[in-house]
Amino acid sequence: MKLENKIAIVTGGGSGIGEAISLRFAAEGAQVVILEYNTDGATAVIKQIQEAGGKAEVIRCDVSNSKEVSTAFRAIKEKHGRIDILVNNAGIAAVGNVESCTEEELDRVYAVNVKGVYLCLHNAIPYMLEQGSGAIVNMASIASTIGIPDRFAYAMTKGAVYTMTQSVATDYIDKNIRCNSVSPARVHTPFVDGFIAKNYPGKEEEMFEKLSATQPIGRMAKPKEVANMVTFLASDEADFITGNDYLVDGGFIKIKK
């Protein structure tokens, strides 16, 4: 019960990595609050948590909308009295290089992946300062620090998440607020399956194996493996850790085969 009685916000907690984080947090004793634009998936996650005896709820929220974010955070604070953990997981992908990336697509990805993280940080930190503690985990990516082909807009936003993490950790190190990031490589989520089905119809199995083989370890990560790292960083076991980025990448950056 690493997170017993902690109030934990997980953005985008209704699917993929966010779902795995929400389930693990609840299993570790946290009261999980999922912020999700599309609440259908989150509702199913909440039901699963509650059936297992955990505590969870969902608030519909567009993380790129300032008013919706501030309203959600205020409601959480009023209901639960505190905000102990914030996981900035909500994000969207984009495929293409700087030539093919349109201004509209750049704005769309920026709004969720950068502005959305900013808005949640902007609203959470005053409450954490008031209570004298807090743990923040931002979802970055291997694309934050190395070049990935055809991921211009996505890499730009994840680079911003990486540096926002460093900035927040630096500014609040003496306020008992920790901020770290996690950088996964390719993770097997419904998004990956949908991407393959859309772009490689009839070759799903072949492309899945090809994408899996890009990881030196020989497979994609499981969402729960990313959730394991996030749970540790959000817990009191990581009290001496702040301002760091943690690779969950199957050796993608450091090991060459």
Protein backbone atom coordinates (compact mmCIF):
# COMPACT_ATOMS: atom_id res chain seq x y z
CA MET A 1 0.00 0.00 0.00
CA LYS A 2 2.59 2.53 -1.15
CA LEU A 3 -0.01 5.23 -1.78
CA GLU A 4 -2.45 4.62 1.05
CA ASN A 5 -4.82 7.58 1.59
CA LYS A 6 -3.10 9.67 -1.10
CA ILE A 7 -5.27 11.79 -3.39
CA ALA A 8 -3.92 11.15 -6.88
CA ILE A 9 -4.92 12.86 -10.13
CA VAL A 10 -4.20 10.97 -13.35
CA THR A 11 -4.90 12.82 -16.58
CA GLY A 12 -5.85 10.58 -19.49
CA GLY A 13 -6.37 7.75 -17.01
CA GLY A 14 -9.08 5.99 -18.98
CA SER A 15 -6.95 4.04 -21.46
CA GLY A 16 -3.49 2.72 -22.25
CA ILE A 17 -0.70 3.78 -19.91
CA GLY A 18 -3.07 6.02 -17.95
CA GLU A 19 -5.41 3.10 -17.29
CA ALA A 20 -2.52 0.99 -15.99
CA ILE A 21 -1.41 3.84 -13.72
CA SER A 22 -4.93 4.34 -12.37
CA LEU A 23 -5.35 0.63 -11.63
CA ARG A 24 -1.95 0.37 -9.93
CA PHE A 25 -2.49 3.53 -7.87
CA ALA A 26 -5.83 2.26 -6.63
CA ALA A 27 -4.32 -1.12 -5.78
CA GLU A 28 -1.70 0.73 -3.73
CA GLY A 29 -4.41 2.48 -1.68
CA ALA A 30 -4.76 5.84 -3.42
CA GLN A 31 -8.00 7.70 -4.04
CA VAL A 32 -7.71 8.03 -7.82
CA VAL A 33 -9.27 10.94 -9.69
CA ILE A 34 -9.17 10.47 -13.45
CA LEU A 35 -9.37 13.57 -15.64
CA GLU A 36 -10.52 12.48 -19.08
CA TYR A 37 -12.01 14.21 -22.10
CA ASN A 38 -13.85 11.08 -23.21
CA THR A 39 -15.24 9.55 -20.04
CA ASP A 40 -16.46 6.24 -21.54
CA GLY A 41 -13.15 4.45 -21.06
CA ALA A 42 -12.57 6.08 -17.69
CA THR A 43 -15.97 4.93 -16.45
CA ALA A 44 -15.01 1.33 -17.20
CA VAL A 45 -11.71 1.78 -15.33
CA ILE A 46 -13.53 3.28 -12.35
CA LYS A 47 -15.90 0.32 -12.26
CA GLN A 48 -12.99 -2.12 -12.35
CA ILE A 49 -11.27 -0.30 -9.48
CA GLN A 50 -14.40 -0.16 -7.35
CA GLU A 51 -15.21 -3.83 -7.93
CA ALA A 52 -11.73 -4.65 -6.61
CA GLY A 53 -12.41 -2.59 -3.48
CA GLY A 54 -10.50 0.51 -4.55
CA LYS A 55 -11.49 4.16 -4.60
CA ALA A 56 -11.78 6.13 -7.82
CA GLU A 57 -13.82 8.72 -9.65
CA VAL A 58 -13.78 10.49 -13.00
CA ILE A 59 -14.15 14.15 -13.92
CA ARG A 60 -14.72 15.10 -17.53
CA CYS A 61 -12.02 17.61 -18.39
CA ASP A 62 -10.27 18.90 -21.49
CA VAL A 63 -6.75 19.51 -20.18
CA SER A 64 -6.18 22.16 -22.84
CA ASN A 65 -9.08 24.24 -21.51
CA SER A 66 -8.01 26.57 -18.72
CA LYS A 67 -11.45 26.97 -17.19
CA GLU A 68 -12.19 23.25 -17.16
CA VAL A 69 -8.84 22.43 -15.55
CA SER A 70 -9.13 25.05 -12.81
CA THR A 71 -12.72 23.97 -12.09
CA ALA A 72 -11.69 20.31 -11.84
CA PHE A 73 -8.75 20.95 -9.52
CA ARG A 74 -10.80 23.22 -7.29
CA ALA A 75 -13.53 20.57 -7.03
CA ILE A 76 -10.99 17.90 -6.09
CA LYS A 77 -9.46 20.10 -3.41
CA GLU A 78 -12.87 21.02 -1.98
CA LYS A 79 -14.01 17.39 -1.90
CA HIS A 80 -10.85 15.67 -0.66
CA GLY A 81 -9.02 18.48 1.13
CA ARG A 82 -5.70 17.98 -0.64
CA ILE A 83 -3.91 16.91 -3.82
CA ASP A 84 -0.95 14.65 -3.09
CA ILE A 85 -0.03 13.32 -6.53
CA LEU A 86 -0.37 14.60 -10.07
CA VAL A 87 0.41 12.42 -13.08
CA ASN A 88 0.41 14.37 -16.34
CA ASN A 89 -0.27 11.47 -18.67
CA ALA A 90 -2.83 12.85 -21.16
CA GLY A 91 -1.33 13.29 -24.60
CA ILE A 92 -1.90 12.85 -28.31
CA ALA A 93 0.39 11.65 -31.07
CA ALA A 94 1.31 13.07 -34.45
CA VAL A 95 3.15 11.50 -37.37
CA GLY A 96 5.18 13.50 -39.89
CA ASN A 97 8.23 15.70 -40.38
CA VAL A 98 8.50 19.48 -40.35
CA GLU A 99 7.41 19.70 -43.99
CA SER A 100 4.24 17.66 -43.63
CA CYS A 101 3.30 19.05 -40.21
CA THR A 102 0.62 21.71 -40.68
CA GLU A 103 0.18 24.71 -38.43
CA GLU A 104 -3.21 23.35 -37.37
CA GLU A 105 -1.71 20.00 -36.35
CA LEU A 106 1.11 21.70 -34.47
CA ASP A 107 -1.40 23.79 -32.52
CA ARG A 108 -3.55 20.73 -31.78
CA VAL A 109 -0.68 18.65 -30.40
CA TYR A 110 0.77 21.61 -28.51
CA ALA A 111 -2.59 22.35 -26.87
CA VAL A 112 -2.80 18.94 -25.22
CA ASN A 113 0.80 17.86 -24.74
CA VAL A 114 2.31 21.18 -23.63
CA LYS A 115 -0.45 23.57 -22.61
CA GLY A 116 -2.35 20.73 -20.94
CA VAL A 117 0.64 19.83 -18.78
CA TYR A 118 1.23 23.50 -17.96
CA LEU A 119 -2.39 24.05 -16.91
CA CYS A 120 -2.38 21.04 -14.60
CA LEU A 121 0.93 22.08 -13.04
CA HIS A 122 -0.30 25.67 -12.73
CA ASN A 123 -3.39 24.55 -10.84
CA ALA A 124 -1.91 21.75 -8.72
CA ILE A 125 1.16 23.45 -7.32
CA PRO A 126 -0.64 26.17 -5.29
CA TYR A 127 -2.57 23.44 -3.46
CA MET A 128 0.61 21.45 -2.91
CA LEU A 129 2.33 24.56 -1.54
CA GLU A 130 -0.59 25.12 0.81
CA GLN A 131 -0.35 21.60 2.24
CA GLY A 132 3.47 21.56 2.18
CA SER A 133 4.05 18.54 -0.04
CA GLY A 134 3.41 16.97 -3.41
CA ALA A 135 4.69 14.51 -5.99
CA ILE A 136 4.42 15.12 -9.74
CA VAL A 137 5.21 12.68 -12.53
CA ASN A 138 5.11 13.88 -16.13
CA MET A 139 4.89 11.49 -19.06
CA ALA A 140 7.74 12.37 -21.42
CA SER A 141 9.16 10.06 -24.09
CA ILE A 142 12.37 8.81 -25.60
CA ALA A 143 11.50 11.38 -28.28
CA SER A 144 12.16 14.07 -25.66
CA THR A 145 15.90 13.61 -25.97
CA ILE A 146 16.68 11.77 -29.22
CA GLY A 147 15.53 12.08 -32.80
CA ILE A 148 12.71 9.77 -33.89
CA PRO A 149 11.88 9.73 -37.62
CA ASP A 150 8.60 11.43 -38.61
CA ARG A 151 7.69 12.62 -35.14
CA PHE A 152 8.42 16.35 -35.42
CA ALA A 153 5.39 17.79 -33.59
CA TYR A 154 5.22 14.99 -31.05
CA ALA A 155 8.94 15.19 -30.23
CA MET A 156 8.71 18.97 -29.86
CA THR A 157 5.97 18.65 -27.27
CA LYS A 158 7.65 15.85 -25.35
CA GLY A 159 10.88 17.84 -25.27
CA ALA A 160 8.86 20.59 -23.60
CA VAL A 161 7.51 18.11 -21.03
CA TYR A 162 11.07 17.05 -20.25
CA THR A 163 12.25 20.62 -19.66
CA MET A 164 9.11 21.64 -17.74
CA THR A 165 9.93 18.79 -15.39
CA GLN A 166 13.43 20.16 -14.75
CA SER A 167 12.09 23.68 -14.23
CA VAL A 168 9.39 22.69 -11.72
CA ALA A 169 11.79 20.45 -9.81
CA THR A 170 14.27 23.32 -9.54
CA ASP A 171 11.76 25.98 -8.52
CA TYR A 172 10.11 23.90 -5.78
CA ILE A 173 12.93 21.76 -4.43
CA ASP A 174 12.85 23.64 -1.13
CA LYS A 175 9.04 23.40 -0.89
CA ASN A 176 8.82 19.62 -0.53
CA ILE A 177 7.35 19.27 -4.02
CA ARG A 178 9.05 16.68 -6.21
CA CYS A 179 8.78 16.52 -9.99
CA ASN A 180 10.12 13.75 -12.22
CA SER A 181 9.36 12.43 -15.69
CA VAL A 182 9.17 9.01 -17.27
CA SER A 183 10.27 8.37 -20.85
CA PRO A 184 8.87 5.19 -22.38
CA ALA A 185 9.82 3.77 -25.74
CA ARG A 186 7.07 2.07 -27.75
CA VAL A 187 4.32 0.70 -25.49
CA HIS A 188 1.70 -1.80 -26.62
CA THR A 189 -1.56 0.09 -26.15
CA PRO A 190 -4.86 0.22 -28.05
CA PHE A 191 -3.46 3.31 -29.79
CA VAL A 192 -0.64 1.25 -31.32
CA ASP A 193 -3.09 -1.40 -32.53
CA GLY A 194 -5.31 1.29 -34.03
CA PHE A 195 -2.37 3.03 -35.69
CA ILE A 196 -1.22 -0.22 -37.31
CA ALA A 197 -4.72 -1.17 -38.44
CA LYS A 198 -5.27 2.26 -39.99
CA ASN A 199 -1.94 2.61 -41.76
CA TYR A 200 -1.10 -1.02 -42.62
CA PRO A 201 -4.37 -2.85 -43.34
CA GLY A 202 -3.82 -6.53 -43.95
CA LYS A 203 -0.28 -6.36 -42.58
CA GLU A 204 -1.09 -5.87 -38.91
CA GLU A 205 0.83 -8.86 -37.59
CA GLU A 206 3.86 -8.16 -39.76
CA MET A 207 4.04 -4.50 -38.72
CA PHE A 208 3.50 -5.33 -35.05
CA GLU A 209 6.51 -7.65 -35.14
CA LYS A 210 8.57 -5.06 -37.03
CA LEU A 211 7.78 -2.32 -34.53
CA SER A 212 8.44 -4.65 -31.61
CA ALA A 213 11.84 -5.55 -33.04
CA THR A 214 12.95 -1.90 -32.89
CA GLN A 215 13.29 -2.34 -29.12
CA PRO A 216 16.64 -3.98 -28.23
CA ILE A 217 14.85 -6.09 -25.60
CA GLY A 218 12.80 -7.60 -28.43
CA ARG A 219 9.28 -6.44 -27.58
CA MET A 220 7.18 -3.41 -26.75
CA ALA A 221 6.64 -2.38 -23.15
CA LYS A 222 3.47 -3.36 -21.34
CA PRO A 223 1.49 -0.42 -19.88
CA LYS A 224 1.83 -1.89 -16.40
CA GLU A 225 5.63 -1.76 -16.70
CA VAL A 226 5.45 2.01 -17.16
CA ALA A 227 2.93 2.20 -14.32
CA ASN A 228 5.41 0.45 -12.03
CA MET A 229 7.93 3.25 -12.50
CA VAL A 230 5.31 6.00 -12.12
CA THR A 231 4.05 4.40 -8.89
CA PHE A 232 7.52 4.32 -7.39
CA LEU A 233 8.22 7.96 -8.26
CA ALA A 234 4.86 9.06 -6.83
CA SER A 235 5.40 7.17 -3.59
CA ASP A 236 7.25 8.16 -0.42
CA GLU A 237 9.91 5.61 -1.35
CA ALA A 238 11.17 8.17 -3.88
CA ASP A 239 11.35 11.05 -1.40
CA PHE A 240 15.00 11.80 -2.31
CA ILE A 241 14.36 11.83 -6.06
CA THR A 242 13.45 14.93 -8.04
CA GLY A 243 14.36 16.56 -11.34
CA ASN A 244 15.12 13.28 -13.09
CA ASP A 245 13.87 11.52 -16.19
CA TYR A 246 13.55 7.74 -16.11
CA LEU A 247 13.80 5.62 -19.24
CA VAL A 248 11.42 2.68 -19.57
CA ASP A 249 12.65 1.80 -23.02
CA GLY A 250 13.90 -1.77 -23.22
CA GLY A 251 17.42 -0.49 -23.87
CA PHE A 252 16.36 1.67 -26.84
CA ILE A 253 18.65 4.62 -26.07
CA LYS A 254 21.61 3.01 -24.32
CA ILE A 255 21.90 -0.41 -25.96
CA LYS A 256 22.57 -0.96 -29.65
CA LYS A 257 22.08 -4.37 -31.28
